[in-house]
Amino acid sequence: MKLTEKMSYLKGLIDGLEIDNTTKEGKALLQMSDVISELVLYVEDLQSQVDELTELCDILDENLGQVEDDIYEDDDDDDYGCDSCEGGCFDDDDEDYDFDDDDDELYEITCPTCGDTILLDEGMIEEGSMNCPNCDELLEFDYDDLTIEDFEGNAEESEDK
């Protein structure tokens, strides 16, 4: 039974009692009945507003889900956003690609074919090669025989020139 139906039943009971509205008790009971009737109408109005807002929130949630799908549809296939390898470049279990460590020094290289700039850490360089994520050109790194002193020597030579 709905709240409005219960209130109608209660009003019928009160009318059937033939309460004398000239006594203090009668006045109080009839006034309480009127107040309860107003509260029931107010609650019914609030409930309809809540239902309408819930429906609107559901519609907004669906629309937001569609927008998220449209924006992030390319990211569903891979873990780290690399389209050329379909997420195979970086694996969560691969210790060489631990990007959580802020102490890793990153090296910037430029692909000679497409000009794309790529950031590498030492682990990636130690692997010796990788494909450019932009053009798929094989990039090879051979630093096995070089030391820091070799780089410092080259820097001093270039300063002298």
N, C-alpha and C. Protein backbone atom coordinates (compact mmCIF):
# COMPACT_ATOMS: atom_id res chain seq x y z
N MET A 1 0.84 -1.17 0.00
CA MET A 1 0.00 0.00 0.00
C MET A 1 0.90 1.25 0.00
N LYS A 2 0.62 2.19 -0.90
CA LYS A 2 1.41 3.42 -1.00
C LYS A 2 1.08 4.35 0.16
N LEU A 3 1.98 5.29 0.37
CA LEU A 3 1.83 6.23 1.47
C LEU A 3 0.55 7.08 1.32
N THR A 4 0.24 7.51 0.11
CA THR A 4 -0.98 8.31 -0.10
C THR A 4 -2.23 7.48 0.18
N GLU A 5 -2.19 6.19 -0.16
CA GLU A 5 -3.33 5.32 0.12
C GLU A 5 -3.51 5.13 1.62
N LYS A 6 -2.38 5.00 2.34
CA LYS A 6 -2.46 4.85 3.79
C LYS A 6 -3.03 6.12 4.44
N MET A 7 -2.62 7.27 3.91
CA MET A 7 -3.13 8.53 4.47
C MET A 7 -4.62 8.67 4.20
N SER A 8 -5.06 8.28 3.02
CA SER A 8 -6.49 8.33 2.71
C SER A 8 -7.28 7.43 3.66
N TYR A 9 -6.75 6.26 3.95
CA TYR A 9 -7.41 5.33 4.88
C TYR A 9 -7.49 5.94 6.27
N LEU A 10 -6.37 6.58 6.71
CA LEU A 10 -6.35 7.21 8.04
C LEU A 10 -7.35 8.36 8.11
N LYS A 11 -7.45 9.16 7.04
CA LYS A 11 -8.44 10.25 7.03
C LYS A 11 -9.86 9.69 7.12
N GLY A 12 -10.11 8.59 6.43
CA GLY A 12 -11.43 7.95 6.51
C GLY A 12 -11.74 7.49 7.91
N LEU A 13 -10.73 6.92 8.59
CA LEU A 13 -10.94 6.49 9.98
C LEU A 13 -11.25 7.68 10.88
N ILE A 14 -10.50 8.76 10.70
CA ILE A 14 -10.71 9.94 11.54
C ILE A 14 -12.10 10.53 11.28
N ASP A 15 -12.52 10.59 10.00
CA ASP A 15 -13.86 11.10 9.67
C ASP A 15 -14.94 10.19 10.26
N GLY A 16 -14.68 8.90 10.27
CA GLY A 16 -15.66 7.94 10.82
C GLY A 16 -15.79 8.05 12.32
N LEU A 17 -14.78 8.57 12.99
CA LEU A 17 -14.85 8.73 14.45
C LEU A 17 -15.72 9.92 14.86
N GLU A 18 -16.04 10.75 13.92
CA GLU A 18 -16.83 11.95 14.18
C GLU A 18 -16.27 12.72 15.37
N ILE A 19 -14.99 13.10 15.21
CA ILE A 19 -14.28 13.82 16.27
C ILE A 19 -14.86 15.23 16.40
N ASP A 20 -15.06 15.62 17.62
CA ASP A 20 -15.61 16.95 17.91
C ASP A 20 -14.48 17.97 17.81
N ASN A 21 -14.58 18.89 16.86
CA ASN A 21 -13.51 19.86 16.65
C ASN A 21 -13.63 21.08 17.57
N THR A 22 -14.52 20.99 18.53
CA THR A 22 -14.64 22.08 19.51
C THR A 22 -13.82 21.79 20.76
N THR A 23 -13.42 20.53 20.95
CA THR A 23 -12.60 20.18 22.12
C THR A 23 -11.13 20.34 21.76
N LYS A 24 -10.31 20.45 22.81
CA LYS A 24 -8.86 20.59 22.60
C LYS A 24 -8.29 19.34 21.93
N GLU A 25 -8.71 18.18 22.37
CA GLU A 25 -8.21 16.93 21.81
C GLU A 25 -8.63 16.79 20.34
N GLY A 26 -9.87 17.14 20.05
CA GLY A 26 -10.38 17.05 18.68
C GLY A 26 -9.63 17.97 17.74
N LYS A 27 -9.39 19.21 18.21
CA LYS A 27 -8.63 20.15 17.39
C LYS A 27 -7.23 19.62 17.11
N ALA A 28 -6.58 19.07 18.14
CA ALA A 28 -5.22 18.56 18.00
C ALA A 28 -5.17 17.38 17.01
N LEU A 29 -6.12 16.45 17.14
CA LEU A 29 -6.14 15.29 16.24
C LEU A 29 -6.38 15.71 14.78
N LEU A 30 -7.30 16.62 14.56
CA LEU A 30 -7.59 17.07 13.19
C LEU A 30 -6.40 17.85 12.61
N GLN A 31 -5.74 18.65 13.44
CA GLN A 31 -4.56 19.40 12.97
C GLN A 31 -3.42 18.43 12.63
N MET A 32 -3.23 17.39 13.48
CA MET A 32 -2.19 16.39 13.19
C MET A 32 -2.49 15.67 11.87
N SER A 33 -3.74 15.39 11.63
CA SER A 33 -4.14 14.74 10.38
C SER A 33 -3.81 15.61 9.18
N ASP A 34 -4.06 16.92 9.29
CA ASP A 34 -3.74 17.84 8.19
C ASP A 34 -2.23 17.93 7.95
N VAL A 35 -1.46 17.99 9.04
CA VAL A 35 0.01 18.06 8.92
C VAL A 35 0.55 16.79 8.28
N ILE A 36 0.04 15.65 8.69
CA ILE A 36 0.49 14.38 8.12
C ILE A 36 0.15 14.32 6.63
N SER A 37 -1.04 14.83 6.27
CA SER A 37 -1.43 14.85 4.85
C SER A 37 -0.45 15.68 4.03
N GLU A 38 -0.05 16.85 4.55
CA GLU A 38 0.91 17.70 3.85
C GLU A 38 2.27 17.01 3.75
N LEU A 39 2.68 16.33 4.82
CA LEU A 39 3.96 15.61 4.80
C LEU A 39 3.94 14.49 3.75
N VAL A 40 2.82 13.79 3.65
CA VAL A 40 2.70 12.71 2.67
C VAL A 40 2.84 13.28 1.26
N LEU A 41 2.17 14.40 0.98
CA LEU A 41 2.28 15.03 -0.34
C LEU A 41 3.71 15.48 -0.63
N TYR A 42 4.37 16.04 0.40
CA TYR A 42 5.74 16.49 0.25
C TYR A 42 6.68 15.31 -0.02
N VAL A 43 6.50 14.23 0.72
CA VAL A 43 7.34 13.03 0.52
C VAL A 43 7.11 12.44 -0.87
N GLU A 44 5.85 12.39 -1.31
CA GLU A 44 5.55 11.88 -2.65
C GLU A 44 6.24 12.73 -3.73
N ASP A 45 6.21 14.07 -3.55
CA ASP A 45 6.87 14.97 -4.49
C ASP A 45 8.39 14.73 -4.50
N LEU A 46 8.98 14.61 -3.31
CA LEU A 46 10.41 14.33 -3.22
C LEU A 46 10.77 13.00 -3.89
N GLN A 47 9.94 11.99 -3.68
CA GLN A 47 10.20 10.68 -4.28
C GLN A 47 10.18 10.76 -5.80
N SER A 48 9.23 11.53 -6.35
CA SER A 48 9.18 11.64 -7.82
C SER A 48 10.41 12.39 -8.34
N GLN A 49 10.90 13.39 -7.59
CA GLN A 49 12.11 14.10 -7.99
C GLN A 49 13.34 13.19 -7.92
N VAL A 50 13.41 12.38 -6.88
CA VAL A 50 14.53 11.44 -6.75
C VAL A 50 14.51 10.42 -7.89
N ASP A 51 13.33 9.94 -8.23
CA ASP A 51 13.21 8.98 -9.34
C ASP A 51 13.67 9.61 -10.65
N GLU A 52 13.29 10.87 -10.87
CA GLU A 52 13.68 11.57 -12.10
C GLU A 52 15.19 11.79 -12.13
N LEU A 53 15.77 12.20 -11.00
CA LEU A 53 17.22 12.41 -10.95
C LEU A 53 17.99 11.10 -11.13
N THR A 54 17.47 10.03 -10.57
CA THR A 54 18.11 8.72 -10.74
C THR A 54 18.12 8.32 -12.21
N GLU A 55 17.01 8.55 -12.88
CA GLU A 55 16.91 8.23 -14.31
C GLU A 55 17.91 9.08 -15.12
N LEU A 56 18.00 10.37 -14.78
CA LEU A 56 18.96 11.24 -15.48
C LEU A 56 20.40 10.82 -15.22
N CYS A 57 20.70 10.42 -13.99
CA CYS A 57 22.06 9.95 -13.67
C CYS A 57 22.40 8.68 -14.45
N ASP A 58 21.44 7.80 -14.59
CA ASP A 58 21.66 6.58 -15.38
C ASP A 58 21.95 6.93 -16.84
N ILE A 59 21.20 7.89 -17.39
CA ILE A 59 21.42 8.30 -18.78
C ILE A 59 22.80 8.93 -18.93
N LEU A 60 23.18 9.81 -17.98
CA LEU A 60 24.51 10.43 -18.02
C LEU A 60 25.61 9.39 -17.91
N ASP A 61 25.41 8.40 -17.05
CA ASP A 61 26.41 7.34 -16.88
C ASP A 61 26.60 6.56 -18.18
N GLU A 62 25.51 6.24 -18.85
CA GLU A 62 25.59 5.54 -20.13
C GLU A 62 26.32 6.39 -21.17
N ASN A 63 25.97 7.69 -21.23
CA ASN A 63 26.61 8.58 -22.20
C ASN A 63 28.09 8.73 -21.91
N LEU A 64 28.45 8.84 -20.64
CA LEU A 64 29.86 8.95 -20.27
C LEU A 64 30.60 7.68 -20.64
N GLY A 65 29.97 6.54 -20.44
CA GLY A 65 30.59 5.27 -20.84
C GLY A 65 30.86 5.22 -22.33
N GLN A 66 29.93 5.74 -23.13
CA GLN A 66 30.12 5.78 -24.58
C GLN A 66 31.27 6.71 -24.95
N VAL A 67 31.36 7.87 -24.27
CA VAL A 67 32.46 8.80 -24.54
C VAL A 67 33.79 8.17 -24.16
N GLU A 68 33.85 7.50 -23.01
CA GLU A 68 35.08 6.82 -22.60
C GLU A 68 35.48 5.76 -23.62
N ASP A 69 34.51 5.00 -24.11
CA ASP A 69 34.81 3.98 -25.11
C ASP A 69 35.36 4.62 -26.38
N ASP A 70 34.78 5.74 -26.80
CA ASP A 70 35.24 6.43 -28.01
C ASP A 70 36.65 6.98 -27.84
N ILE A 71 36.93 7.55 -26.67
CA ILE A 71 38.24 8.16 -26.44
C ILE A 71 39.32 7.12 -26.21
N TYR A 72 39.03 6.10 -25.43
CA TYR A 72 40.04 5.14 -25.02
C TYR A 72 39.96 3.83 -25.79
N GLU A 73 39.29 3.79 -26.94
CA GLU A 73 39.12 2.53 -27.66
C GLU A 73 40.45 1.93 -28.11
N ASP A 74 41.44 2.74 -28.42
CA ASP A 74 42.74 2.22 -28.86
C ASP A 74 43.53 1.62 -27.71
N ASP A 75 43.27 2.07 -26.48
CA ASP A 75 44.03 1.59 -25.34
C ASP A 75 43.54 0.24 -24.82
N ASP A 76 42.43 -0.27 -25.32
CA ASP A 76 41.90 -1.54 -24.84
C ASP A 76 42.76 -2.72 -25.26
N ASP A 77 43.49 -2.59 -26.39
CA ASP A 77 44.22 -3.72 -26.92
C ASP A 77 45.59 -3.91 -26.29
N ASP A 78 46.17 -2.88 -25.71
CA ASP A 78 47.52 -3.03 -25.19
C ASP A 78 47.64 -2.38 -23.82
N ASP A 79 48.74 -2.75 -23.15
CA ASP A 79 48.95 -2.27 -21.79
C ASP A 79 49.55 -0.88 -21.74
N TYR A 80 50.39 -0.53 -22.72
CA TYR A 80 51.14 0.70 -22.62
C TYR A 80 50.98 1.60 -23.84
N GLY A 81 50.00 1.38 -24.70
CA GLY A 81 49.67 2.31 -25.75
C GLY A 81 50.53 2.22 -26.99
N CYS A 82 51.31 1.18 -27.18
CA CYS A 82 52.14 1.05 -28.36
C CYS A 82 51.34 0.32 -29.44
N ASP A 83 50.98 1.01 -30.53
CA ASP A 83 50.14 0.42 -31.55
C ASP A 83 50.89 -0.60 -32.41
N SER A 84 52.20 -0.38 -32.63
CA SER A 84 52.92 -1.24 -33.57
C SER A 84 53.15 -2.64 -33.03
N CYS A 85 53.26 -2.77 -31.71
CA CYS A 85 53.57 -4.10 -31.16
C CYS A 85 52.39 -4.68 -30.40
N GLU A 86 51.27 -3.99 -30.36
CA GLU A 86 50.07 -4.45 -29.67
C GLU A 86 50.32 -4.79 -28.21
N GLY A 87 51.12 -3.95 -27.56
CA GLY A 87 51.34 -4.10 -26.12
C GLY A 87 52.46 -5.04 -25.76
N GLY A 88 53.17 -5.59 -26.72
CA GLY A 88 54.22 -6.56 -26.42
C GLY A 88 55.56 -5.95 -26.06
N CYS A 89 55.73 -4.65 -26.23
CA CYS A 89 57.01 -4.02 -25.92
C CYS A 89 57.33 -4.10 -24.44
N PHE A 90 56.34 -3.86 -23.62
CA PHE A 90 56.55 -3.81 -22.19
C PHE A 90 55.67 -4.84 -21.53
N ASP A 91 56.25 -5.59 -20.65
CA ASP A 91 55.52 -6.61 -19.92
C ASP A 91 55.65 -6.29 -18.44
N ASP A 92 54.59 -6.43 -17.68
CA ASP A 92 54.62 -6.12 -16.26
C ASP A 92 55.66 -6.95 -15.52
N ASP A 93 55.96 -8.16 -16.03
CA ASP A 93 56.91 -9.03 -15.36
C ASP A 93 58.35 -8.74 -15.77
N ASP A 94 58.58 -7.92 -16.77
CA ASP A 94 59.90 -7.63 -17.30
C ASP A 94 60.58 -6.59 -16.42
N GLU A 95 61.66 -6.98 -15.76
CA GLU A 95 62.35 -6.10 -14.82
C GLU A 95 63.05 -4.95 -15.52
N ASP A 96 63.40 -5.10 -16.81
CA ASP A 96 64.10 -4.04 -17.53
C ASP A 96 63.23 -2.81 -17.74
N TYR A 97 61.93 -2.94 -17.65
CA TYR A 97 61.03 -1.83 -17.93
C TYR A 97 60.31 -1.37 -16.68
N ASP A 98 61.04 -1.20 -15.60
CA ASP A 98 60.46 -0.75 -14.35
C ASP A 98 60.41 0.77 -14.34
N PHE A 99 59.30 1.36 -14.79
CA PHE A 99 59.18 2.80 -14.87
C PHE A 99 58.77 3.43 -13.55
N ASP A 100 58.55 2.62 -12.53
CA ASP A 100 58.19 3.17 -11.23
C ASP A 100 59.40 3.76 -10.53
N ASP A 101 60.59 3.35 -10.92
CA ASP A 101 61.81 3.81 -10.29
C ASP A 101 62.20 5.15 -10.89
N ASP A 102 62.06 6.22 -10.12
CA ASP A 102 62.36 7.56 -10.62
C ASP A 102 63.85 7.81 -10.74
N ASP A 103 64.71 6.91 -10.22
CA ASP A 103 66.14 7.11 -10.27
C ASP A 103 66.75 6.67 -11.61
N ASP A 104 66.00 5.96 -12.46
CA ASP A 104 66.53 5.53 -13.74
C ASP A 104 66.79 6.73 -14.63
N GLU A 105 68.00 6.73 -15.23
CA GLU A 105 68.34 7.80 -16.15
C GLU A 105 67.80 7.43 -17.52
N LEU A 106 67.17 8.37 -18.18
CA LEU A 106 66.60 8.13 -19.50
C LEU A 106 67.48 8.78 -20.56
N TYR A 107 67.58 8.11 -21.71
CA TYR A 107 68.37 8.60 -22.83
C TYR A 107 67.43 8.87 -24.00
N GLU A 108 67.66 9.98 -24.66
CA GLU A 108 66.81 10.38 -25.77
C GLU A 108 67.53 10.07 -27.08
N ILE A 109 66.84 9.34 -27.96
CA ILE A 109 67.39 9.08 -29.28
C ILE A 109 66.38 9.53 -30.33
N THR A 110 66.88 9.79 -31.53
CA THR A 110 66.01 10.18 -32.64
C THR A 110 66.14 9.14 -33.73
N CYS A 111 65.03 8.63 -34.20
CA CYS A 111 65.01 7.65 -35.27
C CYS A 111 65.51 8.33 -36.55
N PRO A 112 66.52 7.76 -37.21
CA PRO A 112 67.04 8.38 -38.43
C PRO A 112 66.06 8.32 -39.60
N THR A 113 65.10 7.42 -39.56
CA THR A 113 64.16 7.28 -40.67
C THR A 113 62.99 8.25 -40.57
N CYS A 114 62.31 8.25 -39.42
CA CYS A 114 61.09 9.07 -39.28
C CYS A 114 61.30 10.33 -38.45
N GLY A 115 62.41 10.42 -37.70
CA GLY A 115 62.68 11.59 -36.88
C GLY A 115 61.96 11.57 -35.54
N ASP A 116 61.30 10.47 -35.20
CA ASP A 116 60.58 10.34 -33.94
C ASP A 116 61.58 10.29 -32.79
N THR A 117 61.29 11.01 -31.70
CA THR A 117 62.16 11.01 -30.53
C THR A 117 61.66 9.95 -29.56
N ILE A 118 62.60 9.14 -29.07
CA ILE A 118 62.26 8.01 -28.21
C ILE A 118 63.09 8.11 -26.94
N LEU A 119 62.47 7.86 -25.77
CA LEU A 119 63.18 7.83 -24.50
C LEU A 119 63.48 6.38 -24.14
N LEU A 120 64.74 6.11 -23.78
CA LEU A 120 65.17 4.76 -23.43
C LEU A 120 65.84 4.78 -22.07
N ASP A 121 65.72 3.69 -21.32
CA ASP A 121 66.50 3.56 -20.10
C ASP A 121 67.65 2.61 -20.38
N GLU A 122 68.52 2.40 -19.40
CA GLU A 122 69.72 1.58 -19.61
C GLU A 122 69.38 0.15 -20.00
N GLY A 123 68.33 -0.39 -19.40
CA GLY A 123 67.93 -1.77 -19.71
C GLY A 123 67.55 -1.93 -21.17
N MET A 124 66.88 -0.95 -21.72
CA MET A 124 66.47 -1.02 -23.12
C MET A 124 67.69 -0.92 -24.04
N ILE A 125 68.65 -0.07 -23.66
CA ILE A 125 69.86 0.09 -24.47
C ILE A 125 70.70 -1.18 -24.40
N GLU A 126 70.78 -1.80 -23.22
CA GLU A 126 71.57 -3.02 -23.05
C GLU A 126 71.04 -4.17 -23.89
N GLU A 127 69.76 -4.16 -24.24
CA GLU A 127 69.22 -5.20 -25.12
C GLU A 127 69.85 -5.15 -26.50
N GLY A 128 70.37 -3.99 -26.90
CA GLY A 128 71.10 -3.90 -28.15
C GLY A 128 70.31 -3.38 -29.32
N SER A 129 69.01 -3.58 -29.33
CA SER A 129 68.22 -3.07 -30.45
C SER A 129 66.74 -3.05 -30.09
N MET A 130 66.00 -2.29 -30.90
CA MET A 130 64.55 -2.26 -30.77
C MET A 130 63.98 -1.67 -32.05
N ASN A 131 62.73 -1.92 -32.29
CA ASN A 131 62.06 -1.32 -33.45
C ASN A 131 61.47 0.02 -33.05
N CYS A 132 61.58 0.98 -33.93
CA CYS A 132 60.99 2.30 -33.70
C CYS A 132 59.48 2.13 -33.59
N PRO A 133 58.87 2.65 -32.52
CA PRO A 133 57.43 2.49 -32.36
C PRO A 133 56.62 3.24 -33.43
N ASN A 134 57.25 4.20 -34.12
CA ASN A 134 56.54 4.98 -35.12
C ASN A 134 56.62 4.34 -36.51
N CYS A 135 57.84 4.01 -36.96
CA CYS A 135 58.00 3.52 -38.34
C CYS A 135 58.47 2.07 -38.42
N ASP A 136 58.73 1.43 -37.28
CA ASP A 136 59.15 0.04 -37.21
C ASP A 136 60.56 -0.21 -37.74
N GLU A 137 61.36 0.85 -37.89
CA GLU A 137 62.76 0.73 -38.32
C GLU A 137 63.55 0.09 -37.18
N LEU A 138 64.44 -0.86 -37.51
CA LEU A 138 65.28 -1.51 -36.50
C LEU A 138 66.36 -0.53 -36.05
N LEU A 139 66.38 -0.22 -34.77
CA LEU A 139 67.39 0.67 -34.20
C LEU A 139 68.33 -0.19 -33.37
N GLU A 140 69.64 -0.11 -33.66
CA GLU A 140 70.62 -0.93 -32.96
C GLU A 140 71.50 -0.04 -32.10
N PHE A 141 71.84 -0.56 -30.91
CA PHE A 141 72.68 0.16 -29.96
C PHE A 141 73.88 -0.73 -29.66
N ASP A 142 75.12 -0.21 -29.88
CA ASP A 142 76.32 -0.98 -29.60
C ASP A 142 77.24 -0.13 -28.75
N TYR A 143 77.09 -0.24 -27.44
CA TYR A 143 77.90 0.53 -26.51
C TYR A 143 78.75 -0.38 -25.63
N ASP A 144 78.95 -1.64 -26.03
CA ASP A 144 79.67 -2.61 -25.20
C ASP A 144 81.12 -2.19 -24.95
N ASP A 145 81.79 -1.65 -25.97
CA ASP A 145 83.21 -1.34 -25.84
C ASP A 145 83.45 0.08 -25.35
N LEU A 146 82.45 0.89 -25.24
CA LEU A 146 82.62 2.28 -24.83
C LEU A 146 82.47 2.42 -23.32
N THR A 147 83.18 3.38 -22.75
CA THR A 147 83.07 3.68 -21.32
C THR A 147 82.71 5.15 -21.17
N ILE A 148 82.50 5.57 -19.96
CA ILE A 148 82.18 6.97 -19.69
C ILE A 148 83.35 7.86 -20.12
N GLU A 149 84.59 7.37 -19.92
CA GLU A 149 85.76 8.16 -20.29
C GLU A 149 85.76 8.44 -21.79
N ASP A 150 85.31 7.48 -22.61
CA ASP A 150 85.23 7.71 -24.05
C ASP A 150 84.29 8.86 -24.37
N PHE A 151 83.17 8.91 -23.66
CA PHE A 151 82.22 10.01 -23.90
C PHE A 151 82.81 11.34 -23.44
N GLU A 152 83.49 11.31 -22.27
CA GLU A 152 84.11 12.54 -21.78
C GLU A 152 85.19 13.01 -22.72
N GLY A 153 85.98 12.07 -23.28
CA GLY A 153 87.03 12.43 -24.22
C GLY A 153 86.44 13.06 -25.47
N ASN A 154 85.36 12.51 -25.98
CA ASN A 154 84.71 13.08 -27.16
C ASN A 154 84.17 14.47 -26.87
N ALA A 155 83.68 14.67 -25.66
CA ALA A 155 83.14 15.98 -25.30
C ALA A 155 84.26 17.00 -25.24
N GLU A 156 85.46 16.58 -24.69
CA GLU A 156 86.59 17.51 -24.61
C GLU A 156 87.09 17.85 -26.00
N GLU A 157 87.17 16.84 -26.92
CA GLU A 157 87.61 17.09 -28.28
C GLU A 157 86.70 18.08 -28.98
N SER A 158 85.35 17.93 -28.78
CA SER A 158 84.42 18.82 -29.46
C SER A 158 84.50 20.23 -28.89
N GLU A 159 84.88 20.36 -27.58
CA GLU A 159 85.03 21.69 -27.00
C GLU A 159 86.27 22.40 -27.54
N ASP A 160 87.33 21.59 -27.86
CA ASP A 160 88.57 22.18 -28.37
C ASP A 160 88.38 22.69 -29.78
N LYS A 161 87.46 22.10 -30.54
CA LYS A 161 87.29 22.48 -31.95
C LYS A 161 86.59 23.74 -32.11
